Amino acid sequence: MDDQKGTFIQLRAVTKRYGERIVLDRLSLDVTEGEIVALLGASGCGKTTTLRLIAGLETPDEGEILMADECVAANGRNLISPNARGIGFVFQDLALWPHLTVAGQLDFVLASAGVSKRERAERRDEILRLVQIAQFASKYPHQLSGGEQQRAALARALVARPRLLLLDEPMSSLDADLEIDLLKELGALQQSLRVTTIYITHDRAEAQVIARRVVTMRNGHILQTISNDEYIQDSSKPDIKGLCS
């Protein structure tokens, strides 16, 4: 990683409540431009809520969220709309639109971003080649395998050239061998595009394969932050089983 890169994402003492339940409790996190970070923890730790706050799909009750030194959300308000943040999001269930082909999914995203028809075709074809599903451009989601659907969702998230890529356990429905292969390809693609990436998972092996830095969460707090090399070597790291209530 380029040590001269600046911080791209900052969460400053962010708190999020749902009713009386505190989901995030004064959470602070920095992500460097071009970095890929894994948020690791069991269900209910606040990983998905963290991503949704960064994306602007939720608002923090307290604290601030900054992107490229610009405050995008603070104290119960979104100051920059989700569409203006330059974010690509891959959801856990992938959320592909069943009535659109793979190419149609990408065209819709680009048209919504105001990209010209000619440029849409060029960018669509480019990203389909990058994620290796150009041959499935005319297929609908139900005609694709699980791995092909994952690639289609990734292509849709990347086609508008986002500043930030958020991935919410996108491999959870895949078998182990395919999952590892796709994780390695995703890591190589991220390095090629240099897009800042936050990847959430409950699986330690995924975190080790995909991320340069692993942030372990428990009950709305950060338990530890450690580089991947240190993480692999650290025999004292906590087991995530039972970390969250």
C-alpha atoms as a PDB file:
ATOM      1  CA  MET A   1       0.000   0.000   0.000  1.00  0.00           C
ATOM      2  CA  ASP A   2       1.168   3.521  -0.714  1.00  0.00           C
ATOM      3  CA  ASP A   3       1.957   5.014   2.670  1.00  0.00           C
ATOM      4  CA  GLN A   4       1.464   8.518   1.248  1.00  0.00           C
ATOM      5  CA  LYS A   5      -2.212   7.904   0.641  1.00  0.00           C
ATOM      6  CA  GLY A   6      -4.507   9.888   2.873  1.00  0.00           C
ATOM      7  CA  THR A   7      -7.447   8.794   4.966  1.00  0.00           C
ATOM      8  CA  PHE A   8     -10.520   8.429   2.779  1.00  0.00           C
ATOM      9  CA  ILE A   9     -13.195   7.293   5.252  1.00  0.00           C
ATOM     10  CA  GLN A  10     -13.455   8.510   8.837  1.00  0.00           C
ATOM     11  CA  LEU A  11     -16.053   7.558  11.403  1.00  0.00           C
ATOM     12  CA  ARG A  12     -15.737   9.786  14.453  1.00  0.00           C
ATOM     13  CA  ALA A  13     -17.449   8.577  17.633  1.00  0.00           C
ATOM     14  CA  VAL A  14     -20.463   7.306  15.681  1.00  0.00           C
ATOM     15  CA  THR A  15     -23.425   6.060  17.690  1.00  0.00           C
ATOM     16  CA  LYS A  16     -26.506   4.392  16.197  1.00  0.00           C
ATOM     17  CA  ARG A  17     -29.582   3.280  18.128  1.00  0.00           C
ATOM     18  CA  TYR A  18     -32.683   1.361  17.136  1.00  0.00           C
ATOM     19  CA  GLY A  19     -35.154   2.229  19.838  1.00  0.00           C
ATOM     20  CA  GLU A  20     -33.476   1.537  23.159  1.00  0.00           C
ATOM     21  CA  ARG A  21     -30.851  -0.755  21.631  1.00  0.00           C
ATOM     22  CA  ILE A  22     -27.418   0.720  20.943  1.00  0.00           C
ATOM     23  CA  VAL A  23     -26.067  -0.905  17.775  1.00  0.00           C
ATOM     24  CA  LEU A  24     -22.915   1.217  17.439  1.00  0.00           C
ATOM     25  CA  ASP A  25     -21.440   2.889  20.508  1.00  0.00           C
ATOM     26  CA  ARG A  26     -19.081   5.808  19.758  1.00  0.00           C
ATOM     27  CA  LEU A  27     -17.358   3.822  17.032  1.00  0.00           C
ATOM     28  CA  SER A  28     -14.327   5.411  15.343  1.00  0.00           C
ATOM     29  CA  LEU A  29     -12.683   4.001  12.222  1.00  0.00           C
ATOM     30  CA  ASP A  30     -10.268   5.284   9.564  1.00  0.00           C
ATOM     31  CA  VAL A  31      -9.831   3.708   6.121  1.00  0.00           C
ATOM     32  CA  THR A  32      -6.978   4.815   3.889  1.00  0.00           C
ATOM     33  CA  GLU A  33      -7.549   5.667   0.232  1.00  0.00           C
ATOM     34  CA  GLY A  34      -7.107   2.554  -1.912  1.00  0.00           C
ATOM     35  CA  GLU A  35      -7.122   0.220   1.100  1.00  0.00           C
ATOM     36  CA  ILE A  36      -9.242  -2.894   1.514  1.00  0.00           C
ATOM     37  CA  VAL A  37     -10.418  -3.435   5.097  1.00  0.00           C
ATOM     38  CA  ALA A  38     -12.427  -6.349   6.469  1.00  0.00           C
ATOM     39  CA  LEU A  39     -14.912  -5.852   9.286  1.00  0.00           C
ATOM     40  CA  LEU A  40     -15.065  -9.175  11.110  1.00  0.00           C
ATOM     41  CA  GLY A  41     -17.581 -10.306  13.698  1.00  0.00           C
ATOM     42  CA  ALA A  42     -20.626 -12.419  14.394  1.00  0.00           C
ATOM     43  CA  SER A  43     -24.175 -11.461  13.483  1.00  0.00           C
ATOM     44  CA  GLY A  44     -25.463  -8.456  15.416  1.00  0.00           C
ATOM     45  CA  CYS A  45     -22.087  -6.796  15.995  1.00  0.00           C
ATOM     46  CA  GLY A  46     -22.965  -3.733  13.913  1.00  0.00           C
ATOM     47  CA  LYS A  47     -21.027  -4.546  10.731  1.00  0.00           C
ATOM     48  CA  THR A  48     -23.917  -4.040   8.308  1.00  0.00           C
ATOM     49  CA  THR A  49     -25.112  -0.964  10.182  1.00  0.00           C
ATOM     50  CA  THR A  50     -21.633   0.521   9.771  1.00  0.00           C
ATOM     51  CA  LEU A  51     -21.779  -0.001   6.008  1.00  0.00           C
ATOM     52  CA  ARG A  52     -25.299   1.395   5.760  1.00  0.00           C
ATOM     53  CA  LEU A  53     -24.232   4.515   7.655  1.00  0.00           C
ATOM     54  CA  ILE A  54     -21.267   5.052   5.339  1.00  0.00           C
ATOM     55  CA  ALA A  55     -23.517   4.557   2.311  1.00  0.00           C
ATOM     56  CA  GLY A  56     -26.087   7.020   3.634  1.00  0.00           C
ATOM     57  CA  LEU A  57     -28.833   4.421   3.956  1.00  0.00           C
ATOM     58  CA  GLU A  58     -28.936   5.172   7.695  1.00  0.00           C
ATOM     59  CA  THR A  59     -28.021   8.283   9.673  1.00  0.00           C
ATOM     60  CA  PRO A  60     -25.843   8.424  12.807  1.00  0.00           C
ATOM     61  CA  ASP A  61     -27.565   9.506  15.999  1.00  0.00           C
ATOM     62  CA  GLU A  62     -24.278  10.964  17.202  1.00  0.00           C
ATOM     63  CA  GLY A  63     -20.853  11.502  15.691  1.00  0.00           C
ATOM     64  CA  GLU A  64     -19.625  12.278  12.194  1.00  0.00           C
ATOM     65  CA  ILE A  65     -18.804  10.433   8.973  1.00  0.00           C
ATOM     66  CA  LEU A  66     -16.316  11.940   6.534  1.00  0.00           C
ATOM     67  CA  MET A  67     -15.363  10.957   2.981  1.00  0.00           C
ATOM     68  CA  ALA A  68     -12.237  12.543   1.499  1.00  0.00           C
ATOM     69  CA  ASP A  69     -12.276  15.116   4.324  1.00  0.00           C
ATOM     70  CA  GLU A  70     -15.883  16.116   3.543  1.00  0.00           C
ATOM     71  CA  CYS A  71     -18.480  15.590   6.272  1.00  0.00           C
ATOM     72  CA  VAL A  72     -21.256  13.513   4.716  1.00  0.00           C
ATOM     73  CA  ALA A  73     -23.289  12.785   7.864  1.00  0.00           C
ATOM     74  CA  ALA A  74     -23.452  14.086  11.418  1.00  0.00           C
ATOM     75  CA  ASN A  75     -25.737  13.940  14.438  1.00  0.00           C
ATOM     76  CA  GLY A  76     -28.849  12.495  12.858  1.00  0.00           C
ATOM     77  CA  ARG A  77     -28.539  14.121   9.428  1.00  0.00           C
ATOM     78  CA  ASN A  78     -27.201  13.078   6.048  1.00  0.00           C
ATOM     79  CA  LEU A  79     -25.378  16.104   4.686  1.00  0.00           C
ATOM     80  CA  ILE A  80     -24.530  14.436   1.365  1.00  0.00           C
ATOM     81  CA  SER A  81     -27.146  12.187  -0.261  1.00  0.00           C
ATOM     82  CA  PRO A  82     -26.344   8.510  -0.888  1.00  0.00           C
ATOM     83  CA  ASN A  83     -26.373   9.018  -4.666  1.00  0.00           C
ATOM     84  CA  ALA A  84     -23.788  11.810  -4.405  1.00  0.00           C
ATOM     85  CA  ARG A  85     -21.257   9.806  -2.369  1.00  0.00           C
ATOM     86  CA  GLY A  86     -19.833   7.742  -5.226  1.00  0.00           C
ATOM     87  CA  ILE A  87     -20.406   4.364  -3.584  1.00  0.00           C
ATOM     88  CA  GLY A  88     -20.825   0.896  -5.070  1.00  0.00           C
ATOM     89  CA  PHE A  89     -22.637  -1.560  -2.778  1.00  0.00           C
ATOM     90  CA  VAL A  90     -22.840  -5.352  -3.036  1.00  0.00           C
ATOM     91  CA  PHE A  91     -25.534  -6.640  -0.678  1.00  0.00           C
ATOM     92  CA  GLN A  92     -25.524  -9.998   1.081  1.00  0.00           C
ATOM     93  CA  ASP A  93     -28.379 -11.301  -1.080  1.00  0.00           C
ATOM     94  CA  LEU A  94     -26.827  -9.526  -4.127  1.00  0.00           C
ATOM     95  CA  ALA A  95     -30.224  -7.867  -4.869  1.00  0.00           C
ATOM     96  CA  LEU A  96     -29.980  -8.259  -8.635  1.00  0.00           C
ATOM     97  CA  TRP A  97     -33.071  -6.990 -10.453  1.00  0.00           C
ATOM     98  CA  PRO A  98     -34.819 -10.111 -11.784  1.00  0.00           C
ATOM     99  CA  HIS A  99     -36.430  -8.366 -14.782  1.00  0.00           C
ATOM    100  CA  LEU A 100     -33.136  -7.037 -16.208  1.00  0.00           C
ATOM    101  CA  THR A 101     -30.319  -8.847 -18.008  1.00  0.00           C
ATOM    102  CA  VAL A 102     -26.772  -8.460 -16.764  1.00  0.00           C
ATOM    103  CA  ALA A 103     -26.152  -5.778 -19.395  1.00  0.00           C
ATOM    104  CA  GLY A 104     -29.465  -4.146 -18.522  1.00  0.00           C
ATOM    105  CA  GLN A 105     -28.475  -3.912 -14.854  1.00  0.00           C
ATOM    106  CA  LEU A 106     -25.308  -2.022 -15.783  1.00  0.00           C
ATOM    107  CA  ASP A 107     -27.093   0.202 -18.307  1.00  0.00           C
ATOM    108  CA  PHE A 108     -29.654   1.188 -15.692  1.00  0.00           C
ATOM    109  CA  VAL A 109     -26.950   2.234 -13.210  1.00  0.00           C
ATOM    110  CA  LEU A 110     -25.075   4.243 -15.836  1.00  0.00           C
ATOM    111  CA  ALA A 111     -28.209   5.903 -17.213  1.00  0.00           C
ATOM    112  CA  SER A 112     -29.189   6.892 -13.677  1.00  0.00           C
ATOM    113  CA  ALA A 113     -25.749   8.489 -13.338  1.00  0.00           C
ATOM    114  CA  GLY A 114     -26.308  10.518 -16.515  1.00  0.00           C
ATOM    115  CA  VAL A 115     -23.721   8.679 -18.642  1.00  0.00           C
ATOM    116  CA  SER A 116     -24.253   8.999 -22.400  1.00  0.00           C
ATOM    117  CA  LYS A 117     -25.508   6.016 -24.363  1.00  0.00           C
ATOM    118  CA  ARG A 118     -22.225   5.605 -26.255  1.00  0.00           C
ATOM    119  CA  GLU A 119     -20.120   5.772 -23.110  1.00  0.00           C
ATOM    120  CA  ARG A 120     -22.514   3.401 -21.330  1.00  0.00           C
ATOM    121  CA  ALA A 121     -21.758   0.675 -23.890  1.00  0.00           C
ATOM    122  CA  GLU A 122     -17.996   1.165 -23.549  1.00  0.00           C
ATOM    123  CA  ARG A 123     -18.021   1.121 -19.756  1.00  0.00           C
ATOM    124  CA  ARG A 124     -20.437  -1.800 -19.598  1.00  0.00           C
ATOM    125  CA  ASP A 125     -18.263  -3.916 -21.894  1.00  0.00           C
ATOM    126  CA  GLU A 126     -15.107  -2.932 -20.014  1.00  0.00           C
ATOM    127  CA  ILE A 127     -16.387  -3.980 -16.600  1.00  0.00           C
ATOM    128  CA  LEU A 128     -17.932  -7.207 -17.924  1.00  0.00           C
ATOM    129  CA  ARG A 129     -14.519  -8.179 -19.259  1.00  0.00           C
ATOM    130  CA  LEU A 130     -12.857  -7.270 -15.970  1.00  0.00           C
ATOM    131  CA  VAL A 131     -15.170  -9.494 -13.926  1.00  0.00           C
ATOM    132  CA  GLN A 132     -15.087 -12.197 -16.601  1.00  0.00           C
ATOM    133  CA  ILE A 133     -18.793 -12.473 -17.426  1.00  0.00           C
ATOM    134  CA  ALA A 134     -18.966 -10.800 -20.854  1.00  0.00           C
ATOM    135  CA  GLN A 135     -20.490 -14.004 -22.255  1.00  0.00           C
ATOM    136  CA  PHE A 136     -23.451 -13.659 -19.869  1.00  0.00           C
ATOM    137  CA  ALA A 137     -24.389 -10.073 -20.770  1.00  0.00           C
ATOM    138  CA  SER A 138     -27.767 -11.122 -22.208  1.00  0.00           C
ATOM    139  CA  LYS A 139     -28.656 -13.503 -19.353  1.00  0.00           C
ATOM    140  CA  TYR A 140     -31.145 -12.845 -16.558  1.00  0.00           C
ATOM    141  CA  PRO A 141     -30.184 -13.463 -12.911  1.00  0.00           C
ATOM    142  CA  HIS A 142     -32.162 -16.717 -12.676  1.00  0.00           C
ATOM    143  CA  GLN A 143     -30.114 -18.067 -15.602  1.00  0.00           C
ATOM    144  CA  LEU A 144     -26.820 -17.587 -13.760  1.00  0.00           C
ATOM    145  CA  SER A 145     -24.995 -19.750 -11.250  1.00  0.00           C
ATOM    146  CA  GLY A 146     -24.233 -18.419  -7.788  1.00  0.00           C
ATOM    147  CA  GLY A 147     -20.711 -17.394  -8.773  1.00  0.00           C
ATOM    148  CA  GLU A 148     -21.950 -15.721 -11.951  1.00  0.00           C
ATOM    149  CA  GLN A 149     -24.565 -13.797  -9.976  1.00  0.00           C
ATOM    150  CA  GLN A 150     -21.852 -12.635  -7.581  1.00  0.00           C
ATOM    151  CA  ARG A 151     -19.779 -11.371 -10.504  1.00  0.00           C
ATOM    152  CA  ALA A 152     -22.814  -9.617 -11.979  1.00  0.00           C
ATOM    153  CA  ALA A 153     -23.500  -7.862  -8.669  1.00  0.00           C
ATOM    154  CA  LEU A 154     -19.860  -6.809  -8.451  1.00  0.00           C
ATOM    155  CA  ALA A 155     -19.946  -5.494 -12.023  1.00  0.00           C
ATOM    156  CA  ARG A 156     -23.058  -3.467 -11.221  1.00  0.00           C
ATOM    157  CA  ALA A 157     -21.352  -1.987  -8.151  1.00  0.00           C
ATOM    158  CA  LEU A 158     -18.211  -1.050 -10.088  1.00  0.00           C
ATOM    159  CA  VAL A 159     -19.577   0.117 -13.435  1.00  0.00           C
ATOM    160  CA  ALA A 160     -20.163   3.719 -12.321  1.00  0.00           C
ATOM    161  CA  ARG A 161     -16.521   3.900 -11.139  1.00  0.00           C
ATOM    162  CA  PRO A 162     -17.248   4.478  -7.456  1.00  0.00           C
ATOM    163  CA  ARG A 163     -14.846   6.083  -5.030  1.00  0.00           C
ATOM    164  CA  LEU A 164     -15.757   3.483  -2.428  1.00  0.00           C
ATOM    165  CA  LEU A 165     -16.847  -0.160  -2.677  1.00  0.00           C
ATOM    166  CA  LEU A 166     -18.887  -1.705   0.147  1.00  0.00           C
ATOM    167  CA  LEU A 167     -19.434  -5.477   0.275  1.00  0.00           C
ATOM    168  CA  ASP A 168     -21.804  -7.045   2.804  1.00  0.00           C
ATOM    169  CA  GLU A 169     -20.976 -10.774   3.056  1.00  0.00           C
ATOM    170  CA  PRO A 170     -21.438 -11.302  -0.705  1.00  0.00           C
ATOM    171  CA  MET A 171     -19.914 -14.809  -0.633  1.00  0.00           C
ATOM    172  CA  SER A 172     -22.167 -16.234   2.068  1.00  0.00           C
ATOM    173  CA  SER A 173     -24.204 -18.437  -0.296  1.00  0.00           C
ATOM    174  CA  LEU A 174     -21.256 -19.926  -2.210  1.00  0.00           C
ATOM    175  CA  ASP A 175     -19.416 -23.190  -1.615  1.00  0.00           C
ATOM    176  CA  ALA A 176     -15.985 -22.913  -0.031  1.00  0.00           C
ATOM    177  CA  ASP A 177     -13.818 -23.617  -3.097  1.00  0.00           C
ATOM    178  CA  LEU A 178     -15.656 -21.127  -5.316  1.00  0.00           C
ATOM    179  CA  GLU A 179     -15.662 -18.581  -2.501  1.00  0.00           C
ATOM    180  CA  ILE A 180     -11.868 -18.645  -2.130  1.00  0.00           C
ATOM    181  CA  ASP A 181     -11.338 -18.402  -5.903  1.00  0.00           C
ATOM    182  CA  LEU A 182     -13.660 -15.414  -6.186  1.00  0.00           C
ATOM    183  CA  LEU A 183     -12.108 -13.730  -3.156  1.00  0.00           C
ATOM    184  CA  LYS A 184      -8.671 -13.952  -4.751  1.00  0.00           C
ATOM    185  CA  GLU A 185     -10.039 -12.539  -8.005  1.00  0.00           C
ATOM    186  CA  LEU A 186     -11.802  -9.766  -6.120  1.00  0.00           C
ATOM    187  CA  GLY A 187      -8.587  -8.883  -4.314  1.00  0.00           C
ATOM    188  CA  ALA A 188      -6.682  -8.716  -7.601  1.00  0.00           C
ATOM    189  CA  LEU A 189      -9.422  -6.597  -9.165  1.00  0.00           C
ATOM    190  CA  GLN A 190      -9.420  -4.221  -6.199  1.00  0.00           C
ATOM    191  CA  GLN A 191      -5.660  -3.803  -6.468  1.00  0.00           C
ATOM    192  CA  SER A 192      -5.990  -3.083 -10.189  1.00  0.00           C
ATOM    193  CA  LEU A 193      -8.760  -0.498  -9.754  1.00  0.00           C
ATOM    194  CA  ARG A 194      -7.382   0.906  -6.465  1.00  0.00           C
ATOM    195  CA  VAL A 195     -10.897   1.522  -5.192  1.00  0.00           C
ATOM    196  CA  THR A 196     -11.170   1.924  -1.428  1.00  0.00           C
ATOM    197  CA  THR A 197     -13.057  -1.138  -0.175  1.00  0.00           C
ATOM    198  CA  ILE A 198     -14.756  -2.251   3.033  1.00  0.00           C
ATOM    199  CA  TYR A 199     -15.670  -5.944   3.159  1.00  0.00           C
ATOM    200  CA  ILE A 200     -17.738  -7.371   5.976  1.00  0.00           C
ATOM    201  CA  THR A 201     -17.748 -11.009   7.001  1.00  0.00           C
ATOM    202  CA  HIS A 202     -18.190 -13.349   9.945  1.00  0.00           C
ATOM    203  CA  ASP A 203     -15.604 -15.712   8.424  1.00  0.00           C
ATOM    204  CA  ARG A 204     -11.968 -15.368   9.526  1.00  0.00           C
ATOM    205  CA  ALA A 205     -10.682 -17.174   6.405  1.00  0.00           C
ATOM    206  CA  GLU A 206     -12.421 -14.665   4.141  1.00  0.00           C
ATOM    207  CA  ALA A 207     -10.899 -11.777   6.064  1.00  0.00           C
ATOM    208  CA  GLN A 208      -7.426 -13.273   5.730  1.00  0.00           C
ATOM    209  CA  VAL A 209      -7.767 -13.804   1.971  1.00  0.00           C
ATOM    210  CA  ILE A 210      -9.315 -10.483   1.005  1.00  0.00           C
ATOM    211  CA  ALA A 211      -8.061  -7.759   3.345  1.00  0.00           C
ATOM    212  CA  ARG A 212      -4.890  -5.887   4.137  1.00  0.00           C
ATOM    213  CA  ARG A 213      -6.314  -4.964   7.544  1.00  0.00           C
ATOM    214  CA  VAL A 214      -8.876  -6.764   9.722  1.00  0.00           C
ATOM    215  CA  VAL A 215     -11.112  -4.890  12.160  1.00  0.00           C
ATOM    216  CA  THR A 216     -12.826  -7.189  14.661  1.00  0.00           C
ATOM    217  CA  MET A 217     -16.121  -5.899  16.092  1.00  0.00           C
ATOM    218  CA  ARG A 218     -18.135  -6.854  19.154  1.00  0.00           C
ATOM    219  CA  ASN A 219     -21.394  -5.328  20.406  1.00  0.00           C
ATOM    220  CA  GLY A 220     -21.016  -2.111  18.450  1.00  0.00           C
ATOM    221  CA  HIS A 221     -17.371  -1.582  19.408  1.00  0.00           C
ATOM    222  CA  ILE A 222     -14.061  -2.246  17.689  1.00  0.00           C
ATOM    223  CA  LEU A 223     -12.326  -5.018  19.598  1.00  0.00           C
ATOM    224  CA  GLN A 224      -9.038  -4.847  17.696  1.00  0.00           C
ATOM    225  CA  THR A 225      -7.505  -3.670  14.439  1.00  0.00           C
ATOM    226  CA  ILE A 226      -4.615  -5.648  13.010  1.00  0.00           C
ATOM    227  CA  SER A 227      -2.788  -6.010   9.701  1.00  0.00           C
ATOM    228  CA  ASN A 228      -3.369  -9.217   7.768  1.00  0.00           C
ATOM    229  CA  ASP A 229       0.203 -10.466   8.326  1.00  0.00           C
ATOM    230  CA  GLU A 230      -0.076  -9.864  12.059  1.00  0.00           C
ATOM    231  CA  TYR A 231      -3.563 -11.389  12.097  1.00  0.00           C
ATOM    232  CA  ILE A 232      -2.404 -14.647  10.550  1.00  0.00           C
ATOM    233  CA  GLN A 233       0.508 -14.907  12.985  1.00  0.00           C
ATOM    234  CA  ASP A 234      -1.440 -13.841  16.095  1.00  0.00           C
ATOM    235  CA  SER A 235      -2.302 -16.972  18.066  1.00  0.00           C
ATOM    236  CA  SER A 236      -3.991 -14.881  20.759  1.00  0.00           C
ATOM    237  CA  LYS A 237      -6.661 -13.371  18.497  1.00  0.00           C
ATOM    238  CA  PRO A 238     -10.179 -13.829  19.889  1.00  0.00           C
ATOM    239  CA  ASP A 239     -12.579 -16.346  18.475  1.00  0.00           C
ATOM    240  CA  ILE A 240     -15.567 -14.492  17.024  1.00  0.00           C
ATOM    241  CA  LYS A 241     -17.980 -17.177  18.198  1.00  0.00           C
ATOM    242  CA  GLY A 242     -20.197 -15.706  20.879  1.00  0.00           C
ATOM    243  CA  LEU A 243     -18.776 -12.198  20.562  1.00  0.00           C
ATOM    244  CA  CYS A 244     -22.206 -10.715  19.944  1.00  0.00           C
ATOM    245  CA  SER A 245     -25.408 -11.157  21.795  1.00  0.00           C
END
